[in-house]
Amino acid sequence: MIVWINGASGAAVRAVAREVRAVLADSTLFDPRDLFAGLPVPPPEGSDPLDLPLGRSLFVETVAALLDEVGGVLVIPLPLYAQELRDHLFGRLSSRAIAVHHVRIEADETILHAWAEPVRNERGEAGTARTGTIRTEPIRAERAGAEPTRAEPARSETLRVEAALGDHLATTATRTRPASVNGTATPARTSPYTVALAEWLAADAHPLPADPRGPRPTAEALARLLASGALPACPIVQTAEPTAETLAAGVLLFDEIGRFLLVDPTYKPGWEFPGGVVERGEAPSLAGLREVEEETGLRLRSTLRLLVVDWEPPMPPGFGGMRLLFDGGRLSETAHASLALPGPELRDWRFVTEEEAAKLLPPVRYARLRWALRARRTGTIAYLERGTPLTD
């Protein structure tokens, strides 16, 4: 199993993880930074290796291989603020029957100061933190060839700085930034952690208050949580990863004003139509009915009508395959009121318009939807490849 340690401070997360390895029997520390240090295809400037398909595949394969080799508990200190990335990584790990116990370190500035240690330099010796340039908006504008902004009154802003290669907590530093640019007030910066906490992280990761005495007592508290069963694994449905092309059936369900249902799975990123992979020997329409009941609790009585057949090409790590989209008809008010989230499979559901769906679905899936709605209006069936019809 995995203990995934999240939090606002990467240094605090790693400090606790090192202590967890010391206090938790049969545990191994895996810092993804070591894995990506020599990545031959660097991510774009300002992005993360896990933004790349290569980085995500490499991470999942390495984690699975490590657990096969060493067993026990794999401790991963990695701040994770993007829900899409969480769904992708946790879903792929769950498909390999790897349980993920997600915890976030709750630490305020006072505690982080109390924990602060000298940051090691690149030779591994204790020393002072290396300083670096913090790029501000005016600097980026000047580098792009824009006219330099005129000087503005400056104000002091205290913030926590973490050295790029430091394994320990950094101390605070003070920098100045303009109160306004060209007469426009500089907006307050909201950290990615704060945004994630408000949108999804608070509900997904178990809170672990940082102990003012240091990382070791905090790690001991985490070990007690695991031992007591108070830190359960993330409730993600375990679906086996495909090893070849798949046949999948989705279902469009409409409400009384013509909107259709989309669902947000916990085991993969992005919104989807209700539905799933057709099992061996199963009729696609029956697979659609089964998946709708499993995901939403609705037992449809009517026969599904085929709207779209779409061939999806292989896109590593996916294998592609045939995607069918059926018309499930309009839900009655009773059925609409009985919609339920079964827990591990779905995070949310909503009825949306075609315009709203354009913001939620990836382009190929949205194209499939548009042709399905057209086929529904005209009483036809659309055959697509990559979301595009061979003939109009």
Protein backbone atom coordinates (compact mmCIF):
# COMPACT_ATOMS: atom_id res chain seq x y z
CA MET A 1 0.00 0.00 0.00
CA ILE A 2 0.94 3.67 -0.33
CA VAL A 3 0.91 6.45 2.24
CA TRP A 4 0.74 9.63 0.18
CA ILE A 5 1.73 12.69 2.23
CA ASN A 6 0.38 16.00 0.93
CA GLY A 7 0.55 19.53 2.27
CA ALA A 8 1.24 23.20 1.60
CA SER A 9 4.99 22.91 2.20
CA GLY A 10 6.97 20.39 0.18
CA ALA A 11 9.81 20.57 2.70
CA ALA A 12 7.45 19.84 5.61
CA VAL A 13 5.93 16.93 3.70
CA ARG A 14 9.37 15.42 3.06
CA ALA A 15 10.48 16.01 6.65
CA VAL A 16 7.49 14.04 7.96
CA ALA A 17 7.99 11.31 5.33
CA ARG A 18 11.58 10.72 6.42
CA GLU A 19 10.41 10.25 9.99
CA VAL A 20 7.56 7.98 8.93
CA ARG A 21 10.12 5.67 7.36
CA ALA A 22 11.95 5.60 10.70
CA VAL A 23 8.91 4.85 12.88
CA LEU A 24 6.78 2.67 10.58
CA ALA A 25 7.91 -0.92 10.28
CA ASP A 26 8.34 -2.38 6.79
CA SER A 27 8.17 1.00 5.08
CA THR A 28 10.16 2.46 2.19
CA LEU A 29 10.55 6.11 1.30
CA PHE A 30 10.13 7.01 -2.37
CA ASP A 31 10.74 10.63 -3.34
CA PRO A 32 9.57 11.21 -6.95
CA ARG A 33 12.13 14.00 -7.34
CA ASP A 34 14.82 11.33 -7.49
CA LEU A 35 12.96 9.59 -10.31
CA PHE A 36 12.59 12.71 -12.42
CA ALA A 37 16.03 14.21 -11.81
CA GLY A 38 17.45 12.66 -14.99
CA LEU A 39 14.34 12.66 -17.16
CA PRO A 40 15.55 12.80 -20.80
CA VAL A 41 12.49 14.79 -21.92
CA PRO A 42 12.24 17.80 -19.60
CA PRO A 43 8.80 19.32 -19.03
CA PRO A 44 8.04 22.79 -20.39
CA GLU A 45 9.34 25.65 -18.30
CA GLY A 46 7.15 26.26 -15.28
CA SER A 47 5.46 22.85 -15.46
CA ASP A 48 5.96 19.59 -13.62
CA PRO A 49 7.27 16.22 -14.91
CA LEU A 50 3.90 14.72 -13.98
CA ASP A 51 2.30 17.04 -16.53
CA LEU A 52 3.90 14.84 -19.22
CA PRO A 53 2.37 11.46 -20.21
CA LEU A 54 5.92 10.05 -19.97
CA GLY A 55 6.29 11.32 -16.42
CA ARG A 56 2.94 9.89 -15.32
CA SER A 57 3.60 6.47 -16.85
CA LEU A 58 7.11 6.37 -15.43
CA PHE A 59 5.81 7.25 -11.97
CA VAL A 60 3.07 4.60 -11.92
CA GLU A 61 5.30 1.86 -13.36
CA THR A 62 8.08 2.65 -10.86
CA VAL A 63 5.73 2.68 -7.89
CA ALA A 64 4.19 -0.64 -8.90
CA ALA A 65 7.61 -2.22 -9.48
CA LEU A 66 8.91 -0.94 -6.12
CA LEU A 67 5.97 -2.43 -4.25
CA ASP A 68 6.40 -5.74 -6.07
CA GLU A 69 10.06 -5.74 -5.10
CA VAL A 70 10.05 -4.50 -1.50
CA GLY A 71 6.43 -4.92 -0.40
CA GLY A 72 5.19 -3.28 2.77
CA VAL A 73 4.32 0.42 2.86
CA LEU A 74 5.60 2.88 0.27
CA VAL A 75 5.77 6.41 1.69
CA ILE A 76 5.45 9.09 -1.03
CA PRO A 77 6.01 12.74 -0.06
CA LEU A 78 4.46 14.69 -2.90
CA PRO A 79 2.31 17.83 -2.74
CA LEU A 80 -0.61 17.25 -5.11
CA TYR A 81 -2.97 20.11 -5.88
CA ALA A 82 -4.52 19.24 -9.27
CA GLN A 83 -7.58 17.01 -8.97
CA GLU A 84 -7.15 15.82 -12.56
CA LEU A 85 -3.65 14.56 -11.72
CA ARG A 86 -4.88 12.94 -8.51
CA ASP A 87 -7.61 11.08 -10.38
CA HIS A 88 -5.19 9.90 -13.06
CA LEU A 89 -2.48 8.66 -10.69
CA PHE A 90 -4.72 7.23 -7.98
CA GLY A 91 -6.96 5.60 -10.58
CA ARG A 92 -4.06 3.88 -12.35
CA LEU A 93 -2.63 2.71 -9.03
CA SER A 94 -6.05 1.44 -7.94
CA SER A 95 -6.37 -0.49 -11.21
CA ARG A 96 -3.33 -2.46 -10.05
CA ALA A 97 -4.99 -3.11 -6.67
CA ILE A 98 -2.63 -0.67 -4.93
CA ALA A 99 -4.37 1.08 -2.04
CA VAL A 100 -3.56 4.77 -1.50
CA HIS A 101 -3.89 6.31 1.97
CA HIS A 102 -3.96 10.07 1.41
CA VAL A 103 -3.00 12.42 4.25
CA ARG A 104 -2.30 16.14 4.33
CA ILE A 105 -0.07 17.89 6.85
CA GLU A 106 -1.79 20.84 8.49
CA ALA A 107 0.90 23.29 9.59
CA ASP A 108 0.73 27.03 10.15
CA GLU A 109 3.64 29.45 9.86
CA THR A 110 4.45 29.24 13.58
CA ILE A 111 4.94 25.49 13.44
CA LEU A 112 6.94 25.65 10.22
CA HIS A 113 9.27 28.20 11.81
CA ALA A 114 9.69 25.90 14.80
CA TRP A 115 10.59 23.05 12.47
CA ALA A 116 12.96 25.12 10.33
CA GLU A 117 16.47 23.78 9.85
CA PRO A 118 19.42 24.94 7.78
CA VAL A 119 19.00 23.90 4.18
CA ARG A 120 21.68 21.57 2.88
CA ASN A 121 23.64 22.78 -0.06
CA GLU A 122 24.29 20.66 -3.13
CA ARG A 123 27.29 18.98 -1.45
CA GLY A 124 25.03 17.77 1.35
CA GLU A 125 26.63 20.04 3.95
CA ALA A 126 24.66 22.19 6.36
CA GLY A 127 24.58 25.80 5.33
CA THR A 128 22.36 28.67 4.42
CA ALA A 129 19.62 28.50 1.85
CA ARG A 130 20.59 29.43 -1.66
CA THR A 131 18.68 32.38 -3.02
CA GLY A 132 17.13 32.63 -6.44
CA THR A 133 15.31 35.13 -8.56
CA ILE A 134 11.57 35.32 -8.06
CA ARG A 135 10.17 36.29 -11.45
CA THR A 136 7.52 38.94 -11.20
CA GLU A 137 5.06 39.99 -13.86
CA PRO A 138 7.03 43.15 -14.82
CA ILE A 139 10.18 41.06 -15.38
CA ARG A 140 8.34 38.67 -17.69
CA ALA A 141 6.86 41.56 -19.64
CA GLU A 142 10.25 43.17 -20.20
CA ARG A 143 11.76 39.89 -21.39
CA ALA A 144 8.95 39.56 -23.90
CA GLY A 145 9.86 42.95 -25.36
CA ALA A 146 7.07 44.95 -23.78
CA GLU A 147 7.51 48.46 -22.57
CA PRO A 148 8.87 48.48 -19.02
CA THR A 149 6.39 49.51 -16.39
CA ARG A 150 6.98 52.68 -14.44
CA ALA A 151 8.13 52.48 -10.84
CA GLU A 152 5.43 52.00 -8.24
CA PRO A 153 5.46 52.25 -4.45
CA ALA A 154 6.74 49.01 -2.99
CA ARG A 155 5.46 47.06 -0.04
CA SER A 156 7.07 44.28 1.93
CA GLU A 157 5.68 40.78 1.63
CA THR A 158 6.87 37.99 3.92
CA LEU A 159 6.72 34.49 2.52
CA ARG A 160 8.15 31.05 3.06
CA VAL A 161 10.86 30.14 0.54
CA GLU A 162 12.00 26.61 -0.14
CA ALA A 163 15.37 25.99 -1.77
CA ALA A 164 15.10 24.12 -5.05
CA LEU A 165 17.14 21.14 -3.91
CA GLY A 166 16.73 21.49 -0.16
CA ASP A 167 15.66 18.52 1.95
CA HIS A 168 14.93 20.60 5.01
CA LEU A 169 12.62 23.42 5.87
CA ALA A 170 13.75 26.84 4.75
CA THR A 171 13.43 29.95 6.83
CA THR A 172 11.35 32.95 5.84
CA ALA A 173 12.62 35.66 3.58
CA THR A 174 11.37 39.14 2.79
CA ARG A 175 10.89 40.47 -0.70
CA THR A 176 9.27 43.56 -2.11
CA ARG A 177 6.79 43.83 -4.89
CA PRO A 178 4.86 46.81 -6.24
CA ALA A 179 1.57 47.69 -4.62
CA SER A 180 0.24 48.45 -8.10
CA VAL A 181 1.29 48.33 -11.74
CA ASN A 182 0.36 51.28 -13.93
CA GLY A 183 -2.15 52.37 -11.33
CA THR A 184 -3.82 48.96 -11.06
CA ALA A 185 -3.67 47.30 -7.66
CA THR A 186 -1.71 44.06 -7.61
CA PRO A 187 -4.18 41.25 -6.82
CA ALA A 188 -3.56 39.09 -3.78
CA ARG A 189 -1.96 35.78 -4.68
CA THR A 190 -3.89 32.63 -3.84
CA SER A 191 -1.72 29.56 -3.46
CA PRO A 192 -2.52 26.39 -5.43
CA TYR A 193 -2.80 24.55 -2.10
CA THR A 194 -5.48 26.96 -0.84
CA VAL A 195 -7.47 26.57 -4.05
CA ALA A 196 -7.17 22.76 -3.95
CA LEU A 197 -8.18 22.69 -0.29
CA ALA A 198 -11.35 24.60 -1.02
CA GLU A 199 -12.28 22.65 -4.15
CA TRP A 200 -11.45 19.00 -3.35
CA LEU A 201 -8.43 18.31 -1.16
CA ALA A 202 -10.13 18.86 2.20
CA ALA A 203 -12.61 16.08 1.44
CA ASP A 204 -10.07 13.72 -0.14
CA ALA A 205 -7.07 13.73 2.21
CA HIS A 206 -7.16 12.94 5.93
CA PRO A 207 -6.01 15.96 7.96
CA LEU A 208 -2.94 15.43 10.15
CA PRO A 209 -2.10 18.39 12.41
CA ALA A 210 1.62 19.09 12.52
CA ASP A 211 3.03 18.60 16.00
CA PRO A 212 4.83 21.75 17.21
CA ARG A 213 7.60 19.53 18.61
CA GLY A 214 8.69 18.50 15.15
CA PRO A 215 8.32 16.03 12.28
CA ARG A 216 9.02 12.92 14.41
CA PRO A 217 5.97 13.29 16.70
CA THR A 218 3.89 14.11 13.62
CA ALA A 219 5.11 10.92 11.93
CA GLU A 220 4.33 8.92 15.06
CA ALA A 221 0.78 10.28 15.02
CA LEU A 222 0.46 9.19 11.39
CA ALA A 223 1.68 5.70 12.26
CA ARG A 224 -0.93 5.48 15.02
CA LEU A 225 -3.65 6.50 12.55
CA LEU A 226 -2.64 3.69 10.21
CA ALA A 227 -2.45 1.13 12.99
CA SER A 228 -5.90 2.05 14.31
CA GLY A 229 -7.56 1.96 10.90
CA ALA A 230 -8.51 5.63 11.19
CA LEU A 231 -6.69 6.42 7.94
CA PRO A 232 -8.62 4.40 5.33
CA ALA A 233 -7.59 3.99 1.72
CA CYS A 234 -9.08 6.39 -0.81
CA PRO A 235 -12.40 4.92 -2.00
CA ILE A 236 -11.50 4.49 -5.66
CA VAL A 237 -13.13 1.79 -7.75
CA GLN A 238 -10.59 -0.78 -8.91
CA THR A 239 -10.90 -1.25 -12.66
CA ALA A 240 -8.29 -3.35 -14.38
CA GLU A 241 -6.11 -1.44 -16.84
CA PRO A 242 -6.81 -2.50 -20.43
CA THR A 243 -4.16 -4.51 -22.23
CA ALA A 244 -5.74 -4.19 -25.68
CA GLU A 245 -8.42 -2.23 -27.51
CA THR A 246 -11.72 -2.02 -25.63
CA LEU A 247 -15.40 -1.68 -26.51
CA ALA A 248 -17.20 0.87 -24.33
CA ALA A 249 -20.86 1.88 -24.12
CA GLY A 250 -22.04 5.29 -22.93
CA VAL A 251 -25.62 6.43 -22.35
CA LEU A 252 -27.20 9.87 -22.78
CA LEU A 253 -29.90 10.50 -20.18
CA PHE A 254 -32.06 13.64 -20.48
CA ASP A 255 -34.05 15.66 -17.97
CA GLU A 256 -37.40 17.33 -18.55
CA ILE A 257 -35.86 20.45 -20.14
CA GLY A 258 -33.53 18.62 -22.52
CA ARG A 259 -30.28 18.73 -20.59
CA PHE A 260 -28.24 15.52 -20.39
CA LEU A 261 -26.36 13.82 -17.58
CA LEU A 262 -22.58 13.90 -17.16
CA VAL A 263 -20.67 12.19 -14.35
CA ASP A 264 -17.27 12.88 -12.76
CA PRO A 265 -15.45 9.58 -12.06
CA THR A 266 -13.01 9.33 -9.18
CA TYR A 267 -10.73 6.87 -10.97
CA LYS A 268 -9.86 8.96 -14.04
CA PRO A 269 -9.68 12.66 -14.90
CA GLY A 270 -12.45 14.60 -16.56
CA TRP A 271 -16.21 14.32 -16.99
CA GLU A 272 -17.85 11.45 -18.84
CA PHE A 273 -21.13 10.03 -20.02
CA PRO A 274 -22.58 7.33 -17.75
CA GLY A 275 -21.30 3.99 -19.02
CA GLY A 276 -18.19 1.87 -19.19
CA VAL A 277 -16.33 -1.02 -20.76
CA VAL A 278 -18.36 -3.87 -22.24
CA GLU A 279 -17.41 -7.14 -20.56
CA ARG A 280 -16.53 -10.30 -22.45
CA GLY A 281 -19.69 -11.94 -23.85
CA GLU A 282 -21.89 -8.96 -22.89
CA ALA A 283 -24.19 -7.13 -25.30
CA PRO A 284 -23.18 -3.44 -25.55
CA SER A 285 -26.68 -2.13 -24.83
CA LEU A 286 -26.93 -4.32 -21.73
CA ALA A 287 -23.50 -3.09 -20.65
CA GLY A 288 -24.81 0.46 -20.90
CA LEU A 289 -27.82 -0.39 -18.74
CA ARG A 290 -25.59 -2.17 -16.20
CA GLU A 291 -23.12 0.70 -15.96
CA VAL A 292 -25.89 3.28 -15.53
CA GLU A 293 -27.33 1.31 -12.62
CA GLU A 294 -23.91 0.77 -11.01
CA GLU A 295 -22.90 4.42 -11.33
CA THR A 296 -26.16 6.27 -10.62
CA GLY A 297 -28.50 3.76 -9.00
CA LEU A 298 -30.99 4.13 -11.90
CA ARG A 299 -32.53 0.97 -13.37
CA LEU A 300 -33.67 1.90 -16.87
CA ARG A 301 -36.71 0.05 -18.18
CA SER A 302 -36.61 1.21 -21.79
CA THR A 303 -34.48 -0.22 -24.59
CA LEU A 304 -31.47 1.88 -25.55
CA ARG A 305 -31.20 3.29 -29.08
CA LEU A 306 -27.79 3.53 -30.72
CA LEU A 307 -26.73 7.06 -31.70
CA VAL A 308 -22.99 6.96 -32.39
CA VAL A 309 -20.25 4.48 -33.22
CA ASP A 310 -16.83 6.13 -32.84
CA TRP A 311 -13.39 4.58 -33.33
CA GLU A 312 -10.87 5.97 -30.85
CA PRO A 313 -7.21 5.56 -31.86
CA PRO A 314 -4.56 4.24 -29.46
CA MET A 315 -2.96 7.01 -27.41
CA PRO A 316 -0.39 5.62 -24.96
CA PRO A 317 -0.90 4.56 -22.28
CA GLY A 318 -4.42 3.90 -23.64
CA PHE A 319 -5.20 1.33 -26.34
CA GLY A 320 -8.24 2.99 -27.89
CA GLY A 321 -11.11 0.99 -29.36
CA MET A 322 -14.78 1.37 -30.32
CA ARG A 323 -16.98 3.79 -28.39
CA LEU A 324 -20.78 3.47 -28.60
CA LEU A 325 -23.17 6.15 -27.39
CA PHE A 326 -26.81 5.25 -26.76
CA ASP A 327 -29.96 7.26 -26.17
CA GLY A 328 -31.37 6.41 -22.74
CA GLY A 329 -34.38 8.69 -23.12
CA ARG A 330 -35.86 11.27 -20.77
CA LEU A 331 -35.87 10.53 -17.07
CA SER A 332 -39.08 10.86 -15.14
CA GLU A 333 -39.22 13.24 -12.19
CA THR A 334 -39.16 10.23 -9.87
CA ALA A 335 -36.06 8.79 -11.54
CA HIS A 336 -34.37 12.19 -11.54
CA ALA A 337 -35.01 12.55 -7.80
CA SER A 338 -33.59 9.08 -7.12
CA LEU A 339 -30.18 9.76 -8.67
CA ALA A 340 -27.52 8.75 -6.19
CA LEU A 341 -23.76 8.64 -5.96
CA PRO A 342 -22.74 5.06 -5.11
CA GLY A 343 -19.51 6.21 -3.45
CA PRO A 344 -16.24 5.00 -4.89
CA GLU A 345 -17.03 5.35 -8.60
CA LEU A 346 -18.35 8.90 -8.92
CA ARG A 347 -17.48 12.19 -7.28
CA ASP A 348 -20.30 14.20 -8.79
CA TRP A 349 -22.99 14.35 -11.48
CA ARG A 350 -24.90 17.14 -13.17
CA PHE A 351 -27.33 17.83 -15.99
CA VAL A 352 -25.82 20.22 -18.53
CA THR A 353 -26.54 21.93 -21.83
CA GLU A 354 -24.46 21.39 -24.95
CA GLU A 355 -22.67 24.70 -24.33
CA GLU A 356 -21.86 23.73 -20.73
CA ALA A 357 -20.60 20.32 -21.86
CA ALA A 358 -18.05 22.02 -24.14
CA LYS A 359 -16.25 23.24 -21.00
CA LEU A 360 -16.27 19.84 -19.29
CA LEU A 361 -15.59 17.25 -22.00
CA PRO A 362 -12.34 16.75 -23.92
CA PRO A 363 -12.60 17.73 -27.62
CA VAL A 364 -13.04 14.22 -29.05
CA ARG A 365 -15.70 13.32 -26.51
CA TYR A 366 -17.49 16.62 -27.11
CA ALA A 367 -17.47 15.96 -30.87
CA ARG A 368 -19.00 12.54 -30.18
CA LEU A 369 -21.71 14.26 -28.13
CA ARG A 370 -22.55 16.77 -30.86
CA TRP A 371 -22.99 14.03 -33.45
CA ALA A 372 -25.05 12.00 -31.01
CA LEU A 373 -27.42 14.92 -30.44
CA ARG A 374 -27.71 15.40 -34.20
CA ALA A 375 -28.43 11.69 -34.72
CA ARG A 376 -31.08 11.85 -32.01
CA ARG A 377 -32.83 14.76 -33.73
CA THR A 378 -32.73 13.13 -37.18
CA GLY A 379 -33.38 9.52 -36.14
CA THR A 380 -30.09 8.31 -37.65
CA ILE A 381 -26.89 6.63 -36.50
CA ALA A 382 -23.53 8.39 -36.91
CA TYR A 383 -20.33 6.49 -37.66
CA LEU A 384 -17.20 8.39 -36.58
CA GLU A 385 -13.45 7.89 -36.48
CA ARG A 386 -11.59 10.12 -34.01
CA GLY A 387 -14.84 12.01 -33.44
CA THR A 388 -15.21 12.87 -37.12
CA PRO A 389 -17.70 11.33 -39.59
CA LEU A 390 -16.32 9.74 -42.74
CA THR A 391 -19.19 11.37 -44.65
CA ASP A 392 -21.51 14.15 -43.57
